[in-house]
Amino acid sequence: MTGHRARILVVDQPQATLSLALEAVVARHDVDFARDAFDAIYRIDCARRPYDVVFCDLALGDVPGPELWAYLSISRQDAAERMVFVASGSLRSEARAFLARVPNLCVELPVDPEALEALARRRAVVRRSAWAARLVKAQPNQQGAGTSRG
């Protein structure tokens, strides 16, 4: 690993397929687990620093992944953009239509934990690079600092 610890939120029911697939990733990154959509919203809103990636079970319990995405796209667009959906099993037509509409990535289980780890690491590097570029852009222009008032 190159030293980039990603900050990951896993939205999945405890002991479910996605959570189990990510157990190998936990030691290499900062991972939080949310047991449902409401827990995920709370964790996202209270996070001291944003998550690099939010892995979300597409068919999540009471509030499915697409509904969580819809809420976050209004209230926390930054988090909605970082969602990666995970599908286990065949997709219903509503899920396929949703995935065709949104730009978010979807991976299917079973997936190699190393592939998830690499995805998380890439997301961490890209997000931090984008943040640094915005910070440089926000700096005041220093070209006219030495001019006199005439």
C-alpha atoms as a PDB file:
ATOM      1  CA  MET A   1       0.000   0.000   0.000  1.00  0.00           C
ATOM      2  CA  THR A   2       1.171   3.517  -0.753  1.00  0.00           C
ATOM      3  CA  GLY A   3       0.158   5.078   2.540  1.00  0.00           C
ATOM      4  CA  HIS A   4      -3.210   6.450   1.431  1.00  0.00           C
ATOM      5  CA  ARG A   5      -5.686   5.388   4.087  1.00  0.00           C
ATOM      6  CA  ALA A   6      -9.155   5.871   2.733  1.00  0.00           C
ATOM      7  CA  ARG A   7     -12.019   6.903   4.949  1.00  0.00           C
ATOM      8  CA  ILE A   8     -14.793   4.432   4.149  1.00  0.00           C
ATOM      9  CA  LEU A   9     -18.419   4.120   5.203  1.00  0.00           C
ATOM     10  CA  VAL A  10     -20.056   0.736   4.658  1.00  0.00           C
ATOM     11  CA  VAL A  11     -23.850   0.865   4.650  1.00  0.00           C
ATOM     12  CA  ASP A  12     -25.024  -2.685   5.155  1.00  0.00           C
ATOM     13  CA  GLN A  13     -26.764  -4.857   7.675  1.00  0.00           C
ATOM     14  CA  PRO A  14     -24.410  -6.513  10.191  1.00  0.00           C
ATOM     15  CA  GLN A  15     -22.980  -9.843   9.050  1.00  0.00           C
ATOM     16  CA  ALA A  16     -24.347  -9.310   5.527  1.00  0.00           C
ATOM     17  CA  THR A  17     -22.417 -10.160   2.378  1.00  0.00           C
ATOM     18  CA  LEU A  18     -20.925  -6.703   1.796  1.00  0.00           C
ATOM     19  CA  SER A  19     -19.777  -6.310   5.387  1.00  0.00           C
ATOM     20  CA  LEU A  20     -18.113  -9.709   5.299  1.00  0.00           C
ATOM     21  CA  ALA A  21     -16.403  -8.958   1.972  1.00  0.00           C
ATOM     22  CA  LEU A  22     -14.911  -5.779   3.425  1.00  0.00           C
ATOM     23  CA  GLU A  23     -13.463  -7.341   6.578  1.00  0.00           C
ATOM     24  CA  ALA A  24     -10.065  -7.694   4.880  1.00  0.00           C
ATOM     25  CA  VAL A  25     -10.092  -3.988   3.987  1.00  0.00           C
ATOM     26  CA  VAL A  26     -10.774  -2.739   7.517  1.00  0.00           C
ATOM     27  CA  ALA A  27      -7.184  -2.992   8.752  1.00  0.00           C
ATOM     28  CA  ARG A  28      -5.802  -0.951   5.843  1.00  0.00           C
ATOM     29  CA  HIS A  29      -8.272   1.937   5.963  1.00  0.00           C
ATOM     30  CA  ASP A  30     -10.465   3.885   8.367  1.00  0.00           C
ATOM     31  CA  VAL A  31     -13.794   2.089   8.077  1.00  0.00           C
ATOM     32  CA  ASP A  32     -17.108   2.844   9.753  1.00  0.00           C
ATOM     33  CA  PHE A  33     -20.152   0.611   9.470  1.00  0.00           C
ATOM     34  CA  ALA A  34     -23.719   1.917   9.294  1.00  0.00           C
ATOM     35  CA  ARG A  35     -26.455  -0.645   9.920  1.00  0.00           C
ATOM     36  CA  ASP A  36     -29.102   1.184   7.875  1.00  0.00           C
ATOM     37  CA  ALA A  37     -29.746   4.372   5.885  1.00  0.00           C
ATOM     38  CA  PHE A  38     -30.595   6.435   8.961  1.00  0.00           C
ATOM     39  CA  ASP A  39     -27.350   5.433  10.661  1.00  0.00           C
ATOM     40  CA  ALA A  40     -25.493   6.317   7.442  1.00  0.00           C
ATOM     41  CA  ILE A  41     -27.058   9.785   7.285  1.00  0.00           C
ATOM     42  CA  TYR A  42     -26.159  10.408  10.922  1.00  0.00           C
ATOM     43  CA  ARG A  43     -22.550   9.279  10.387  1.00  0.00           C
ATOM     44  CA  ILE A  44     -22.164  11.368   7.225  1.00  0.00           C
ATOM     45  CA  ASP A  45     -23.594  14.473   8.904  1.00  0.00           C
ATOM     46  CA  CYS A  46     -21.460  14.067  12.039  1.00  0.00           C
ATOM     47  CA  ALA A  47     -18.199  13.093  10.328  1.00  0.00           C
ATOM     48  CA  ARG A  48     -15.272  15.334  11.165  1.00  0.00           C
ATOM     49  CA  ARG A  49     -13.891  14.745   7.698  1.00  0.00           C
ATOM     50  CA  PRO A  50     -15.800  13.411   4.689  1.00  0.00           C
ATOM     51  CA  TYR A  51     -15.751   9.797   3.616  1.00  0.00           C
ATOM     52  CA  ASP A  52     -13.708   9.031   0.505  1.00  0.00           C
ATOM     53  CA  VAL A  53     -16.096   6.284  -0.497  1.00  0.00           C
ATOM     54  CA  VAL A  54     -19.480   5.073   0.711  1.00  0.00           C
ATOM     55  CA  PHE A  55     -20.076   1.417  -0.136  1.00  0.00           C
ATOM     56  CA  CYS A  56     -23.825   0.831  -0.007  1.00  0.00           C
ATOM     57  CA  ASP A  57     -25.835  -2.345  -0.409  1.00  0.00           C
ATOM     58  CA  LEU A  58     -28.215  -1.634  -3.285  1.00  0.00           C
ATOM     59  CA  ALA A  59     -31.027  -3.622  -1.638  1.00  0.00           C
ATOM     60  CA  LEU A  60     -30.540  -2.220   1.845  1.00  0.00           C
ATOM     61  CA  GLY A  61     -33.310  -3.059   4.388  1.00  0.00           C
ATOM     62  CA  ASP A  62     -36.091  -0.525   5.034  1.00  0.00           C
ATOM     63  CA  VAL A  63     -34.593   2.301   2.977  1.00  0.00           C
ATOM     64  CA  PRO A  64     -32.952   0.895  -0.175  1.00  0.00           C
ATOM     65  CA  GLY A  65     -29.720   2.303  -1.562  1.00  0.00           C
ATOM     66  CA  PRO A  66     -31.437   4.332  -4.325  1.00  0.00           C
ATOM     67  CA  GLU A  67     -33.600   6.122  -1.757  1.00  0.00           C
ATOM     68  CA  LEU A  68     -30.561   6.882   0.409  1.00  0.00           C
ATOM     69  CA  TRP A  69     -28.798   8.232  -2.690  1.00  0.00           C
ATOM     70  CA  ALA A  70     -31.827  10.421  -3.534  1.00  0.00           C
ATOM     71  CA  TYR A  71     -31.848  11.916  -0.042  1.00  0.00           C
ATOM     72  CA  LEU A  72     -28.084  12.517  -0.029  1.00  0.00           C
ATOM     73  CA  SER A  73     -28.150  14.022  -3.523  1.00  0.00           C
ATOM     74  CA  ILE A  74     -30.345  16.785  -2.066  1.00  0.00           C
ATOM     75  CA  SER A  75     -28.849  17.194   1.405  1.00  0.00           C
ATOM     76  CA  ARG A  76     -25.230  16.052   0.966  1.00  0.00           C
ATOM     77  CA  GLN A  77     -24.389  15.900  -2.723  1.00  0.00           C
ATOM     78  CA  ASP A  78     -20.709  15.327  -1.951  1.00  0.00           C
ATOM     79  CA  ALA A  79     -21.579  12.059  -0.182  1.00  0.00           C
ATOM     80  CA  ALA A  80     -24.021  10.971  -2.900  1.00  0.00           C
ATOM     81  CA  GLU A  81     -21.272  11.395  -5.493  1.00  0.00           C
ATOM     82  CA  ARG A  82     -18.939   9.121  -3.509  1.00  0.00           C
ATOM     83  CA  MET A  83     -21.427   6.261  -3.205  1.00  0.00           C
ATOM     84  CA  VAL A  84     -20.502   2.924  -4.744  1.00  0.00           C
ATOM     85  CA  PHE A  85     -23.411   0.523  -4.889  1.00  0.00           C
ATOM     86  CA  VAL A  86     -22.942  -3.161  -4.272  1.00  0.00           C
ATOM     87  CA  ALA A  87     -25.364  -5.712  -5.680  1.00  0.00           C
ATOM     88  CA  SER A  88     -25.650  -9.259  -4.465  1.00  0.00           C
ATOM     89  CA  GLY A  89     -27.746 -11.383  -6.754  1.00  0.00           C
ATOM     90  CA  SER A  90     -29.911 -10.506  -9.719  1.00  0.00           C
ATOM     91  CA  LEU A  91     -31.089  -6.928 -10.026  1.00  0.00           C
ATOM     92  CA  ARG A  92     -34.757  -6.016 -10.215  1.00  0.00           C
ATOM     93  CA  SER A  93     -35.866  -3.782 -13.062  1.00  0.00           C
ATOM     94  CA  GLU A  94     -36.165  -0.756 -10.726  1.00  0.00           C
ATOM     95  CA  ALA A  95     -32.564  -1.204  -9.591  1.00  0.00           C
ATOM     96  CA  ARG A  96     -31.334  -1.542 -13.177  1.00  0.00           C
ATOM     97  CA  ALA A  97     -33.237   1.606 -14.191  1.00  0.00           C
ATOM     98  CA  PHE A  98     -31.781   3.512 -11.223  1.00  0.00           C
ATOM     99  CA  LEU A  99     -28.212   2.454 -12.049  1.00  0.00           C
ATOM    100  CA  ALA A 100     -28.711   3.500 -15.672  1.00  0.00           C
ATOM    101  CA  ARG A 101     -29.752   6.992 -14.476  1.00  0.00           C
ATOM    102  CA  VAL A 102     -26.962   7.751 -12.019  1.00  0.00           C
ATOM    103  CA  PRO A 103     -23.221   8.070 -12.626  1.00  0.00           C
ATOM    104  CA  ASN A 104     -22.297   6.011  -9.546  1.00  0.00           C
ATOM    105  CA  LEU A 105     -20.351   2.811  -9.868  1.00  0.00           C
ATOM    106  CA  CYS A 106     -21.964  -0.525  -9.014  1.00  0.00           C
ATOM    107  CA  VAL A 107     -20.011  -3.691  -8.243  1.00  0.00           C
ATOM    108  CA  GLU A 108     -21.484  -7.151  -7.963  1.00  0.00           C
ATOM    109  CA  LEU A 109     -20.779  -9.625  -5.209  1.00  0.00           C
ATOM    110  CA  PRO A 110     -18.894 -11.779  -4.867  1.00  0.00           C
ATOM    111  CA  VAL A 111     -16.049  -9.373  -5.502  1.00  0.00           C
ATOM    112  CA  ASP A 112     -12.406  -9.731  -4.630  1.00  0.00           C
ATOM    113  CA  PRO A 113     -11.684  -7.798  -1.407  1.00  0.00           C
ATOM    114  CA  GLU A 114      -8.414  -6.613  -2.971  1.00  0.00           C
ATOM    115  CA  ALA A 115     -10.404  -5.001  -5.793  1.00  0.00           C
ATOM    116  CA  LEU A 116     -12.551  -3.146  -3.232  1.00  0.00           C
ATOM    117  CA  GLU A 117      -9.419  -2.087  -1.367  1.00  0.00           C
ATOM    118  CA  ALA A 118      -7.824  -0.773  -4.565  1.00  0.00           C
ATOM    119  CA  LEU A 119     -11.012   1.114  -5.436  1.00  0.00           C
ATOM    120  CA  ALA A 120     -11.074   2.717  -1.976  1.00  0.00           C
ATOM    121  CA  ARG A 121      -7.409   3.690  -2.248  1.00  0.00           C
ATOM    122  CA  ARG A 122      -7.932   5.261  -5.695  1.00  0.00           C
ATOM    123  CA  ARG A 123     -10.953   7.202  -4.439  1.00  0.00           C
ATOM    124  CA  ALA A 124      -8.936   8.548  -1.490  1.00  0.00           C
ATOM    125  CA  VAL A 125      -6.128   9.761  -3.760  1.00  0.00           C
ATOM    126  CA  VAL A 126      -8.516  11.351  -6.280  1.00  0.00           C
ATOM    127  CA  ARG A 127     -10.612  13.106  -3.612  1.00  0.00           C
ATOM    128  CA  ARG A 128      -7.567  14.519  -1.852  1.00  0.00           C
ATOM    129  CA  SER A 129      -6.072  15.702  -5.161  1.00  0.00           C
ATOM    130  CA  ALA A 130      -9.325  17.469  -6.055  1.00  0.00           C
ATOM    131  CA  TRP A 131      -9.467  19.054  -2.597  1.00  0.00           C
ATOM    132  CA  ALA A 132      -5.895  20.359  -2.945  1.00  0.00           C
ATOM    133  CA  ALA A 133      -6.674  21.817  -6.382  1.00  0.00           C
ATOM    134  CA  ARG A 134      -9.726  23.666  -4.983  1.00  0.00           C
ATOM    135  CA  LEU A 135      -7.621  25.009  -2.118  1.00  0.00           C
ATOM    136  CA  VAL A 136      -4.990  26.409  -4.508  1.00  0.00           C
ATOM    137  CA  LYS A 137      -7.730  27.990  -6.633  1.00  0.00           C
ATOM    138  CA  ALA A 138      -9.199  29.682  -3.567  1.00  0.00           C
ATOM    139  CA  GLN A 139      -5.926  31.418  -2.640  1.00  0.00           C
ATOM    140  CA  PRO A 140      -5.932  35.165  -3.310  1.00  0.00           C
ATOM    141  CA  ASN A 141      -3.980  36.385  -6.303  1.00  0.00           C
ATOM    142  CA  GLN A 142      -0.620  37.650  -5.054  1.00  0.00           C
ATOM    143  CA  GLN A 143       0.534  39.372  -8.274  1.00  0.00           C
ATOM    144  CA  GLY A 144      -0.432  42.902  -7.304  1.00  0.00           C
ATOM    145  CA  ALA A 145       0.859  42.712  -3.742  1.00  0.00           C
ATOM    146  CA  GLY A 146       3.844  45.023  -4.285  1.00  0.00           C
ATOM    147  CA  THR A 147       2.146  47.829  -6.201  1.00  0.00           C
ATOM    148  CA  SER A 148       1.936  51.346  -4.845  1.00  0.00           C
ATOM    149  CA  ARG A 149      -1.135  53.494  -4.633  1.00  0.00           C
ATOM    150  CA  GLY A 150      -0.752  56.162  -7.121  1.00  0.00           C
END
